[in-house]
Amino acid sequence: MPDLPILPGSTVVVRDARSIYNGYKGFVQRLSGSQAAVLFEGGNWDKLVTIPLKTLEQA
């Protein structure tokens, strides 16, 4: 199956050993150029972080 494009609403996992978010699963909120705004939710916190698309993979 070919890789599907990452679009708003996609569930993604961060794959960047240099990022503190490596391995975190989140939801793409919006795209801008080569960046994605990813929403991470966990317990009593939510965080919206801009991450390069090349470090994301669909979950």
C-alpha atoms as a PDB file:
ATOM      1  CA  MET A   1       0.000   0.000   0.000  1.00  0.00           C
ATOM      2  CA  PRO A   2       1.502   3.375  -0.955  1.00  0.00           C
ATOM      3  CA  ASP A   3       2.082   6.017   1.705  1.00  0.00           C
ATOM      4  CA  LEU A   4      -0.970   8.195   2.145  1.00  0.00           C
ATOM      5  CA  PRO A   5      -0.497  11.962   2.355  1.00  0.00           C
ATOM      6  CA  ILE A   6      -0.595  13.587   5.779  1.00  0.00           C
ATOM      7  CA  LEU A   7      -3.671  15.791   5.913  1.00  0.00           C
ATOM      8  CA  PRO A   8      -5.457  17.731   8.667  1.00  0.00           C
ATOM      9  CA  GLY A   9      -7.189  15.199  10.896  1.00  0.00           C
ATOM     10  CA  SER A  10      -4.516  12.533  10.361  1.00  0.00           C
ATOM     11  CA  THR A  11      -3.113  10.688  13.351  1.00  0.00           C
ATOM     12  CA  VAL A  12       0.690  10.851  13.247  1.00  0.00           C
ATOM     13  CA  VAL A  13       3.711   9.713  15.262  1.00  0.00           C
ATOM     14  CA  VAL A  14       6.873  11.811  15.591  1.00  0.00           C
ATOM     15  CA  ARG A  15       9.997   9.965  14.370  1.00  0.00           C
ATOM     16  CA  ASP A  16      12.909  12.275  15.214  1.00  0.00           C
ATOM     17  CA  ALA A  17      15.507  11.090  17.730  1.00  0.00           C
ATOM     18  CA  ARG A  18      16.481  14.730  18.449  1.00  0.00           C
ATOM     19  CA  SER A  19      12.944  15.793  19.388  1.00  0.00           C
ATOM     20  CA  ILE A  20      11.502  15.603  22.893  1.00  0.00           C
ATOM     21  CA  TYR A  21       8.275  14.527  21.160  1.00  0.00           C
ATOM     22  CA  ASN A  22       9.895  11.450  19.565  1.00  0.00           C
ATOM     23  CA  GLY A  23       7.368   8.598  19.722  1.00  0.00           C
ATOM     24  CA  TYR A  24       4.443  10.837  20.700  1.00  0.00           C
ATOM     25  CA  LYS A  25       1.168  10.320  18.837  1.00  0.00           C
ATOM     26  CA  GLY A  26      -0.937  13.350  17.909  1.00  0.00           C
ATOM     27  CA  PHE A  27      -3.472  14.801  15.486  1.00  0.00           C
ATOM     28  CA  VAL A  28      -2.609  17.124  12.605  1.00  0.00           C
ATOM     29  CA  GLN A  29      -4.547  20.382  12.975  1.00  0.00           C
ATOM     30  CA  ARG A  30      -3.198  22.345  10.001  1.00  0.00           C
ATOM     31  CA  LEU A  31      -0.427  22.371   7.391  1.00  0.00           C
ATOM     32  CA  SER A  32       1.765  25.240   6.277  1.00  0.00           C
ATOM     33  CA  GLY A  33       4.461  24.579   3.703  1.00  0.00           C
ATOM     34  CA  SER A  34       6.684  21.805   5.056  1.00  0.00           C
ATOM     35  CA  GLN A  35       5.398  22.137   8.643  1.00  0.00           C
ATOM     36  CA  ALA A  36       2.418  20.646  10.461  1.00  0.00           C
ATOM     37  CA  ALA A  37       0.700  21.869  13.610  1.00  0.00           C
ATOM     38  CA  VAL A  38       0.230  18.709  15.683  1.00  0.00           C
ATOM     39  CA  LEU A  39      -2.024  18.535  18.746  1.00  0.00           C
ATOM     40  CA  PHE A  40      -0.787  16.281  21.540  1.00  0.00           C
ATOM     41  CA  GLU A  41      -3.232  15.388  24.305  1.00  0.00           C
ATOM     42  CA  GLY A  42      -2.384  13.644  27.535  1.00  0.00           C
ATOM     43  CA  GLY A  43      -4.306  13.438  30.747  1.00  0.00           C
ATOM     44  CA  ASN A  44      -4.810  17.010  31.933  1.00  0.00           C
ATOM     45  CA  TRP A  45      -2.720  18.766  29.253  1.00  0.00           C
ATOM     46  CA  ASP A  46      -2.970  19.656  25.549  1.00  0.00           C
ATOM     47  CA  LYS A  47      -0.099  21.025  23.489  1.00  0.00           C
ATOM     48  CA  LEU A  48      -0.049  22.319  19.905  1.00  0.00           C
ATOM     49  CA  VAL A  49       3.437  22.054  18.374  1.00  0.00           C
ATOM     50  CA  THR A  50       4.764  22.886  14.891  1.00  0.00           C
ATOM     51  CA  ILE A  51       6.783  19.958  13.541  1.00  0.00           C
ATOM     52  CA  PRO A  52       8.440  19.355  10.133  1.00  0.00           C
ATOM     53  CA  LEU A  53       6.430  16.973   7.943  1.00  0.00           C
ATOM     54  CA  LYS A  54       9.534  14.899   7.150  1.00  0.00           C
ATOM     55  CA  THR A  55       9.700  13.773  10.811  1.00  0.00           C
ATOM     56  CA  LEU A  56       6.086  12.548  10.915  1.00  0.00           C
ATOM     57  CA  GLU A  57       4.623   9.209   9.926  1.00  0.00           C
ATOM     58  CA  GLN A  58       0.993   8.166   9.859  1.00  0.00           C
ATOM     59  CA  ALA A  59      -0.152   6.008  12.747  1.00  0.00           C
END
